[in-house]
């Protein structure tokens, strides 16, 4: 079990997908991310996006360093459900 919020979810997703993507991770774990995000200090869709982008990049580097990470851009529609 990891120490970062969402660590186990990220690890499971990245290790079990041939081509893991940030969008795929968010889509698959949307309900869990909404709950997990309550433990962060973010209050905006941009803040949630940046938080999960950073977590995703760190997890890919840790669990799949062979993958090439491409630039991620914000799709506000995927993060709007986090808004309180």
C-alpha atoms as a PDB file:
ATOM      1  CA  UNK A   1       0.000   0.000   0.000  1.00  0.00           C
ATOM      2  CA  UNK A   2       1.342   3.425  -0.955  1.00  0.00           C
ATOM      3  CA  UNK A   3       1.454   6.615   1.031  1.00  0.00           C
ATOM      4  CA  UNK A   4       0.168   9.048  -1.600  1.00  0.00           C
ATOM      5  CA  UNK A   5      -3.554   9.566  -2.102  1.00  0.00           C
ATOM      6  CA  UNK A   6      -4.599   7.375  -5.040  1.00  0.00           C
ATOM      7  CA  UNK A   7      -1.268   5.528  -5.087  1.00  0.00           C
ATOM      8  CA  UNK A   8      -2.807   2.066  -5.170  1.00  0.00           C
ATOM      9  CA  UNK A   9      -5.330   3.034  -7.848  1.00  0.00           C
ATOM     10  CA  UNK A  10      -2.593   4.542 -10.020  1.00  0.00           C
ATOM     11  CA  UNK A  11      -0.286   1.583  -9.566  1.00  0.00           C
ATOM     12  CA  UNK A  12      -3.012  -0.906 -10.428  1.00  0.00           C
ATOM     13  CA  UNK A  13      -4.069   1.035 -13.522  1.00  0.00           C
ATOM     14  CA  UNK A  14      -0.557   1.629 -14.840  1.00  0.00           C
ATOM     15  CA  UNK A  15       0.694  -1.897 -14.238  1.00  0.00           C
ATOM     16  CA  UNK A  16      -2.385  -3.531 -15.770  1.00  0.00           C
ATOM     17  CA  UNK A  17      -2.774  -1.477 -18.965  1.00  0.00           C
ATOM     18  CA  UNK A  18      -0.564  -1.869 -22.016  1.00  0.00           C
ATOM     19  CA  UNK A  19      -0.881   1.832 -22.875  1.00  0.00           C
ATOM     20  CA  UNK A  20      -2.033   3.670 -19.747  1.00  0.00           C
ATOM     21  CA  UNK A  21      -3.221   7.236 -20.197  1.00  0.00           C
ATOM     22  CA  UNK A  22      -4.276  10.011 -17.878  1.00  0.00           C
ATOM     23  CA  UNK A  23      -7.683  10.172 -19.583  1.00  0.00           C
ATOM     24  CA  UNK A  24      -8.118   6.416 -19.227  1.00  0.00           C
ATOM     25  CA  UNK A  25      -7.190   6.557 -15.555  1.00  0.00           C
ATOM     26  CA  UNK A  26      -9.618   9.403 -14.841  1.00  0.00           C
ATOM     27  CA  UNK A  27     -12.435   7.746 -16.785  1.00  0.00           C
ATOM     28  CA  UNK A  28     -11.962   4.399 -15.055  1.00  0.00           C
ATOM     29  CA  UNK A  29     -11.638   5.876 -11.562  1.00  0.00           C
ATOM     30  CA  UNK A  30     -13.905   8.938 -11.687  1.00  0.00           C
ATOM     31  CA  UNK A  31     -15.966   8.015  -8.609  1.00  0.00           C
ATOM     32  CA  UNK A  32     -12.904   7.124  -6.555  1.00  0.00           C
ATOM     33  CA  UNK A  33     -11.048  10.269  -7.644  1.00  0.00           C
ATOM     34  CA  UNK A  34     -13.893  12.484  -6.495  1.00  0.00           C
ATOM     35  CA  UNK A  35     -13.668  10.874  -3.047  1.00  0.00           C
ATOM     36  CA  UNK A  36      -9.854  10.771  -2.939  1.00  0.00           C
ATOM     37  CA  UNK A  37      -9.639  14.415  -3.985  1.00  0.00           C
ATOM     38  CA  UNK A  38     -11.370  15.537  -0.797  1.00  0.00           C
ATOM     39  CA  UNK A  39      -8.068  14.964   0.991  1.00  0.00           C
ATOM     40  CA  UNK A  40      -6.236  17.474  -1.209  1.00  0.00           C
ATOM     41  CA  UNK A  41      -6.173  21.244  -0.772  1.00  0.00           C
ATOM     42  CA  UNK A  42      -7.421  21.859  -4.325  1.00  0.00           C
ATOM     43  CA  UNK A  43     -10.745  23.596  -4.896  1.00  0.00           C
ATOM     44  CA  UNK A  44     -10.797  24.189  -8.660  1.00  0.00           C
ATOM     45  CA  UNK A  45     -10.962  21.905 -11.693  1.00  0.00           C
ATOM     46  CA  UNK A  46      -7.515  23.205 -12.748  1.00  0.00           C
ATOM     47  CA  UNK A  47      -6.148  22.372  -9.288  1.00  0.00           C
ATOM     48  CA  UNK A  48      -7.553  18.829  -9.407  1.00  0.00           C
ATOM     49  CA  UNK A  49      -6.179  18.336 -12.906  1.00  0.00           C
ATOM     50  CA  UNK A  50      -2.699  19.470 -11.867  1.00  0.00           C
ATOM     51  CA  UNK A  51      -2.782  17.271  -8.765  1.00  0.00           C
ATOM     52  CA  UNK A  52      -3.760  14.105 -10.652  1.00  0.00           C
ATOM     53  CA  UNK A  53      -1.469  14.894 -13.593  1.00  0.00           C
ATOM     54  CA  UNK A  54       1.480  15.111 -11.210  1.00  0.00           C
ATOM     55  CA  UNK A  55       0.446  11.915  -9.434  1.00  0.00           C
ATOM     56  CA  UNK A  56       0.041  10.115 -12.775  1.00  0.00           C
ATOM     57  CA  UNK A  57       3.453  11.230 -14.057  1.00  0.00           C
ATOM     58  CA  UNK A  58       5.177  10.185 -10.815  1.00  0.00           C
ATOM     59  CA  UNK A  59       3.448   6.789 -10.910  1.00  0.00           C
ATOM     60  CA  UNK A  60       4.380   6.165 -14.553  1.00  0.00           C
ATOM     61  CA  UNK A  61       7.997   7.029 -13.787  1.00  0.00           C
ATOM     62  CA  UNK A  62       7.951   4.633 -10.838  1.00  0.00           C
ATOM     63  CA  UNK A  63       6.041   1.668 -12.302  1.00  0.00           C
ATOM     64  CA  UNK A  64       6.583   1.959 -16.067  1.00  0.00           C
ATOM     65  CA  UNK A  65       9.735   4.006 -16.693  1.00  0.00           C
ATOM     66  CA  UNK A  66       9.856   2.540 -20.209  1.00  0.00           C
ATOM     67  CA  UNK A  67       6.785   4.567 -21.256  1.00  0.00           C
ATOM     68  CA  UNK A  68       7.064   7.863 -23.073  1.00  0.00           C
ATOM     69  CA  UNK A  69       4.905  10.457 -21.303  1.00  0.00           C
ATOM     70  CA  UNK A  70       3.211  12.883 -23.671  1.00  0.00           C
ATOM     71  CA  UNK A  71       1.981  16.366 -22.864  1.00  0.00           C
ATOM     72  CA  UNK A  72      -1.309  16.410 -20.966  1.00  0.00           C
ATOM     73  CA  UNK A  73      -3.872  19.139 -21.460  1.00  0.00           C
ATOM     74  CA  UNK A  74      -6.865  20.067 -19.341  1.00  0.00           C
ATOM     75  CA  UNK A  75     -10.299  18.893 -20.465  1.00  0.00           C
ATOM     76  CA  UNK A  76     -12.434  20.876 -18.049  1.00  0.00           C
ATOM     77  CA  UNK A  77     -15.413  18.577 -18.593  1.00  0.00           C
ATOM     78  CA  UNK A  78     -13.588  15.650 -16.999  1.00  0.00           C
ATOM     79  CA  UNK A  79     -12.788  17.611 -13.839  1.00  0.00           C
ATOM     80  CA  UNK A  80     -15.919  19.673 -13.331  1.00  0.00           C
ATOM     81  CA  UNK A  81     -17.466  17.001 -11.097  1.00  0.00           C
ATOM     82  CA  UNK A  82     -14.786  17.727  -8.499  1.00  0.00           C
ATOM     83  CA  UNK A  83     -15.997  21.289  -8.014  1.00  0.00           C
ATOM     84  CA  UNK A  84     -17.502  21.736  -4.564  1.00  0.00           C
END
